[in-house]
Each structure stands twice: as structure tokens, then as C-alpha cells.
């Protein structure tokens, strides 16, 4: 019984279908074509620089190179106050949320992070000066938005 429950639980967390990526808004938001309709997806657990913030465009370009025009699968975590699906996204099998952090193109969003592996990835990017960590004093987007 326990094994059957475990198997069922793991199936519920797996992405179901691949959908084409048809838009990249910024470093943590993309649009998928789902059932012939555009669906905006906010990457869970991370926060990328805003478009006008330093590294904002580079973060968007990074997400574009990971996902644009590719097939993506996603696992929904929540629906945010803007009615966007918040999800862990896989483009061509690669987990994009983690990739953005590893590349130094996004912060782990401490207020919403549910992935215990991400802080170590962020620390590694920070220590090697990757992406936004090359900046002398990078400002997290949640602080930058308050200005």
C-alpha cells in the first residue's frame, strides 16, 4: 500500500505534456502554447532581475537561449496574484529554474523558495562571479522594485 501511494504521489508531480515556448517576457517569465492558448508561466522559487535592472536583459536572453521555441513541460506550484501559473519548468528536459540560478541569471527567492538545492547553486554562482554576481553590488529584484 505504501509503495502504491508513493508511486501515485510521484506521478502527480511529473510534468504531463510538452508545450511550445512562444514567448519570453523576462528572466523568470515565459509563455507556453497550451491547448492552442497562450499560458504565462512564472518560474517558481527564483526571482530574476527586472528588465530595466542591471542584468535584466542578459537574464531574459539566458532564458531565451534555454527555452525559446523549444518544448517545455511544467509542474504547477501555485497561481500568483496576477493569475500567472507559478511552476518548475523543464525545457528539453533541463530544469530551467535551477539553470537560471546556476548561470547567475536569477536569485533564489527566499520568501517563496521550496527547493532546498537552489541556495547552494546560488552560492556557487556567487563565489565564481557568474552573471549578475559579477556586479560589485547586485540588488535583488524584490528590493529594486521597492525603489
C-alpha atoms as a PDB file:
ATOM      1  CA  UNK A   1       0.000   0.000   0.000  1.00  0.00           C
ATOM      2  CA  UNK A   2       2.771   2.407   0.979  1.00  0.00           C
ATOM      3  CA  UNK A   3       4.622   1.694  -2.276  1.00  0.00           C
ATOM      4  CA  UNK A   4       1.474   2.293  -4.339  1.00  0.00           C
ATOM      5  CA  UNK A   5       0.898   5.615  -2.564  1.00  0.00           C
ATOM      6  CA  UNK A   6       4.497   6.648  -3.177  1.00  0.00           C
ATOM      7  CA  UNK A   7       4.223   5.755  -6.871  1.00  0.00           C
ATOM      8  CA  UNK A   8       0.977   7.728  -7.202  1.00  0.00           C
ATOM      9  CA  UNK A   9       2.470  10.756  -5.442  1.00  0.00           C
ATOM     10  CA  UNK A  10       5.484  10.781  -7.753  1.00  0.00           C
ATOM     11  CA  UNK A  11       3.224  10.591 -10.803  1.00  0.00           C
ATOM     12  CA  UNK A  12       1.275  13.625  -9.613  1.00  0.00           C
ATOM     13  CA  UNK A  13       4.433  15.729  -9.537  1.00  0.00           C
ATOM     14  CA  UNK A  14       5.663  14.782 -13.013  1.00  0.00           C
ATOM     15  CA  UNK A  15       5.083  17.126 -15.945  1.00  0.00           C
ATOM     16  CA  UNK A  16       2.312  15.808 -18.182  1.00  0.00           C
ATOM     17  CA  UNK A  17       2.717  17.198 -21.700  1.00  0.00           C
ATOM     18  CA  UNK A  18       5.228  19.178 -23.708  1.00  0.00           C
ATOM     19  CA  UNK A  19       4.163  22.627 -24.877  1.00  0.00           C
ATOM     20  CA  UNK A  20       5.927  25.012 -27.242  1.00  0.00           C
ATOM     21  CA  UNK A  21       7.553  28.098 -25.714  1.00  0.00           C
ATOM     22  CA  UNK A  22       6.152  31.058 -27.668  1.00  0.00           C
ATOM     23  CA  UNK A  23       7.310  33.989 -25.550  1.00  0.00           C
ATOM     24  CA  UNK A  24       9.936  35.143 -23.079  1.00  0.00           C
ATOM     25  CA  UNK A  25       8.906  38.182 -21.027  1.00  0.00           C
ATOM     26  CA  UNK A  26      11.970  38.377 -18.791  1.00  0.00           C
ATOM     27  CA  UNK A  27      14.384  36.103 -16.935  1.00  0.00           C
ATOM     28  CA  UNK A  28      11.700  34.362 -14.896  1.00  0.00           C
ATOM     29  CA  UNK A  29       8.547  34.520 -17.041  1.00  0.00           C
ATOM     30  CA  UNK A  30       7.716  32.699 -20.259  1.00  0.00           C
ATOM     31  CA  UNK A  31       4.630  31.897 -22.309  1.00  0.00           C
ATOM     32  CA  UNK A  32       3.685  28.421 -23.454  1.00  0.00           C
ATOM     33  CA  UNK A  33       1.133  27.342 -26.020  1.00  0.00           C
ATOM     34  CA  UNK A  34      -1.223  25.075 -24.054  1.00  0.00           C
ATOM     35  CA  UNK A  35      -4.279  23.663 -25.849  1.00  0.00           C
ATOM     36  CA  UNK A  36      -3.822  26.328 -28.556  1.00  0.00           C
ATOM     37  CA  UNK A  37      -3.932  29.119 -25.923  1.00  0.00           C
ATOM     38  CA  UNK A  38      -1.047  31.181 -24.516  1.00  0.00           C
ATOM     39  CA  UNK A  39      -0.354  30.497 -20.835  1.00  0.00           C
ATOM     40  CA  UNK A  40       2.017  32.779 -18.919  1.00  0.00           C
ATOM     41  CA  UNK A  41       4.290  30.863 -16.548  1.00  0.00           C
ATOM     42  CA  UNK A  42       6.292  32.451 -13.714  1.00  0.00           C
ATOM     43  CA  UNK A  43       9.314  30.343 -12.746  1.00  0.00           C
ATOM     44  CA  UNK A  44       8.890  29.122  -9.157  1.00  0.00           C
ATOM     45  CA  UNK A  45      11.456  29.639  -6.390  1.00  0.00           C
ATOM     46  CA  UNK A  46      13.517  32.276  -8.207  1.00  0.00           C
ATOM     47  CA  UNK A  47      13.440  35.991  -8.984  1.00  0.00           C
ATOM     48  CA  UNK A  48      15.319  37.367 -11.989  1.00  0.00           C
ATOM     49  CA  UNK A  49      16.409  40.982 -12.453  1.00  0.00           C
ATOM     50  CA  UNK A  50      13.708  43.297 -13.805  1.00  0.00           C
ATOM     51  CA  UNK A  51      14.064  44.335 -17.469  1.00  0.00           C
ATOM     52  CA  UNK A  52      15.428  47.796 -16.616  1.00  0.00           C
ATOM     53  CA  UNK A  53      17.604  46.500 -13.799  1.00  0.00           C
ATOM     54  CA  UNK A  54      21.291  45.638 -14.383  1.00  0.00           C
ATOM     55  CA  UNK A  55      21.498  42.145 -15.925  1.00  0.00           C
ATOM     56  CA  UNK A  56      17.748  42.222 -16.697  1.00  0.00           C
ATOM     57  CA  UNK A  57      18.253  41.869 -20.446  1.00  0.00           C
ATOM     58  CA  UNK A  58      21.012  39.279 -20.024  1.00  0.00           C
ATOM     59  CA  UNK A  59      18.734  37.226 -17.783  1.00  0.00           C
ATOM     60  CA  UNK A  60      15.976  37.391 -20.397  1.00  0.00           C
ATOM     61  CA  UNK A  61      18.459  36.352 -23.115  1.00  0.00           C
ATOM     62  CA  UNK A  62      19.598  33.455 -20.951  1.00  0.00           C
ATOM     63  CA  UNK A  63      16.044  32.151 -20.509  1.00  0.00           C
ATOM     64  CA  UNK A  64      15.529  32.636 -24.247  1.00  0.00           C
ATOM     65  CA  UNK A  65      18.556  30.526 -25.101  1.00  0.00           C
ATOM     66  CA  UNK A  66      17.368  27.815 -22.709  1.00  0.00           C
ATOM     67  CA  UNK A  67      13.742  27.708 -23.889  1.00  0.00           C
ATOM     68  CA  UNK A  68      12.735  29.826 -26.895  1.00  0.00           C
ATOM     69  CA  UNK A  69      10.919  27.730 -29.492  1.00  0.00           C
ATOM     70  CA  UNK A  70      11.589  24.537 -27.565  1.00  0.00           C
ATOM     71  CA  UNK A  71       9.211  22.091 -25.964  1.00  0.00           C
ATOM     72  CA  UNK A  72       8.587  22.705 -22.276  1.00  0.00           C
ATOM     73  CA  UNK A  73       6.906  20.791 -19.514  1.00  0.00           C
ATOM     74  CA  UNK A  74       5.911  22.301 -16.208  1.00  0.00           C
ATOM     75  CA  UNK A  75       4.861  21.343 -12.696  1.00  0.00           C
ATOM     76  CA  UNK A  76       2.497  23.896 -11.183  1.00  0.00           C
ATOM     77  CA  UNK A  77       3.346  25.103  -7.678  1.00  0.00           C
ATOM     78  CA  UNK A  78       0.752  27.889  -7.334  1.00  0.00           C
ATOM     79  CA  UNK A  79      -1.241  30.614  -9.072  1.00  0.00           C
ATOM     80  CA  UNK A  80       0.027  34.093  -8.160  1.00  0.00           C
ATOM     81  CA  UNK A  81      -1.915  37.299  -7.529  1.00  0.00           C
ATOM     82  CA  UNK A  82      -1.511  38.233 -11.213  1.00  0.00           C
ATOM     83  CA  UNK A  83      -3.226  34.946 -12.206  1.00  0.00           C
ATOM     84  CA  UNK A  84       0.016  33.507 -13.593  1.00  0.00           C
ATOM     85  CA  UNK A  85       0.867  29.862 -13.152  1.00  0.00           C
ATOM     86  CA  UNK A  86       3.928  29.574 -10.901  1.00  0.00           C
ATOM     87  CA  UNK A  87       5.813  26.434 -11.887  1.00  0.00           C
ATOM     88  CA  UNK A  88       9.014  24.485 -12.176  1.00  0.00           C
ATOM     89  CA  UNK A  89       9.728  24.387 -15.918  1.00  0.00           C
ATOM     90  CA  UNK A  90      11.701  21.882 -17.981  1.00  0.00           C
ATOM     91  CA  UNK A  91      12.866  22.852 -21.479  1.00  0.00           C
ATOM     92  CA  UNK A  92      14.160  19.904 -23.487  1.00  0.00           C
ATOM     93  CA  UNK A  93      14.437  18.023 -20.189  1.00  0.00           C
ATOM     94  CA  UNK A  94      16.558  20.630 -18.373  1.00  0.00           C
ATOM     95  CA  UNK A  95      15.146  22.230 -15.215  1.00  0.00           C
ATOM     96  CA  UNK A  96      15.174  25.903 -16.153  1.00  0.00           C
ATOM     97  CA  UNK A  97      14.553  27.436 -12.714  1.00  0.00           C
ATOM     98  CA  UNK A  98      17.763  25.854 -11.424  1.00  0.00           C
ATOM     99  CA  UNK A  99      19.646  26.642 -14.647  1.00  0.00           C
ATOM    100  CA  UNK A 100      18.924  30.373 -14.296  1.00  0.00           C
ATOM    101  CA  UNK A 101      20.299  30.314 -10.729  1.00  0.00           C
ATOM    102  CA  UNK A 102      23.370  28.226 -11.695  1.00  0.00           C
ATOM    103  CA  UNK A 103      24.172  30.645 -14.522  1.00  0.00           C
ATOM    104  CA  UNK A 104      23.935  33.632 -12.188  1.00  0.00           C
ATOM    105  CA  UNK A 105      20.891  34.963 -14.033  1.00  0.00           C
ATOM    106  CA  UNK A 106      18.465  34.863 -11.090  1.00  0.00           C
ATOM    107  CA  UNK A 107      18.344  34.927  -7.324  1.00  0.00           C
ATOM    108  CA  UNK A 108      16.746  32.272  -5.191  1.00  0.00           C
ATOM    109  CA  UNK A 109      13.552  33.973  -3.942  1.00  0.00           C
ATOM    110  CA  UNK A 110      13.835  33.310  -0.185  1.00  0.00           C
ATOM    111  CA  UNK A 111      10.237  34.292   0.563  1.00  0.00           C
ATOM    112  CA  UNK A 112       8.833  31.671  -1.842  1.00  0.00           C
ATOM    113  CA  UNK A 113      11.596  29.092  -2.361  1.00  0.00           C
ATOM    114  CA  UNK A 114      10.605  25.452  -1.836  1.00  0.00           C
ATOM    115  CA  UNK A 115      13.665  23.878  -3.483  1.00  0.00           C
ATOM    116  CA  UNK A 116      16.344  23.059  -0.904  1.00  0.00           C
ATOM    117  CA  UNK A 117      19.023  22.611  -3.606  1.00  0.00           C
ATOM    118  CA  UNK A 118      18.796  26.142  -5.024  1.00  0.00           C
ATOM    119  CA  UNK A 119      20.629  28.131  -2.286  1.00  0.00           C
ATOM    120  CA  UNK A 120      23.822  26.078  -2.811  1.00  0.00           C
ATOM    121  CA  UNK A 121      23.573  26.701  -6.569  1.00  0.00           C
ATOM    122  CA  UNK A 122      23.225  30.429  -5.946  1.00  0.00           C
ATOM    123  CA  UNK A 123      26.197  30.390  -3.572  1.00  0.00           C
ATOM    124  CA  UNK A 124      28.352  28.613  -6.179  1.00  0.00           C
ATOM    125  CA  UNK A 125      27.419  31.187  -8.847  1.00  0.00           C
ATOM    126  CA  UNK A 126      28.110  33.997  -6.379  1.00  0.00           C
ATOM    127  CA  UNK A 127      31.528  32.627  -5.412  1.00  0.00           C
ATOM    128  CA  UNK A 128      32.605  32.264  -9.049  1.00  0.00           C
ATOM    129  CA  UNK A 129      31.218  35.675 -10.068  1.00  0.00           C
ATOM    130  CA  UNK A 130      28.855  34.274 -12.695  1.00  0.00           C
ATOM    131  CA  UNK A 131      26.282  36.512 -14.359  1.00  0.00           C
ATOM    132  CA  UNK A 132      24.778  39.121 -12.060  1.00  0.00           C
ATOM    133  CA  UNK A 133      27.291  38.155  -9.374  1.00  0.00           C
ATOM    134  CA  UNK A 134      29.982  39.880 -11.476  1.00  0.00           C
ATOM    135  CA  UNK A 135      28.364  43.168 -10.407  1.00  0.00           C
ATOM    136  CA  UNK A 136      30.033  44.857  -7.429  1.00  0.00           C
ATOM    137  CA  UNK A 137      26.776  45.217  -5.501  1.00  0.00           C
ATOM    138  CA  UNK A 138      23.891  43.340  -7.131  1.00  0.00           C
ATOM    139  CA  UNK A 139      20.464  44.397  -5.848  1.00  0.00           C
ATOM    140  CA  UNK A 140      17.823  41.672  -5.535  1.00  0.00           C
ATOM    141  CA  UNK A 141      14.731  42.394  -7.657  1.00  0.00           C
ATOM    142  CA  UNK A 142      12.401  42.406  -4.642  1.00  0.00           C
ATOM    143  CA  UNK A 143      14.452  45.318  -3.227  1.00  0.00           C
ATOM    144  CA  UNK A 144      14.851  47.039  -6.613  1.00  0.00           C
ATOM    145  CA  UNK A 145      11.055  47.030  -7.127  1.00  0.00           C
ATOM    146  CA  UNK A 146      10.575  48.918  -3.839  1.00  0.00           C
ATOM    147  CA  UNK A 147      12.595  51.899  -5.109  1.00  0.00           C
END
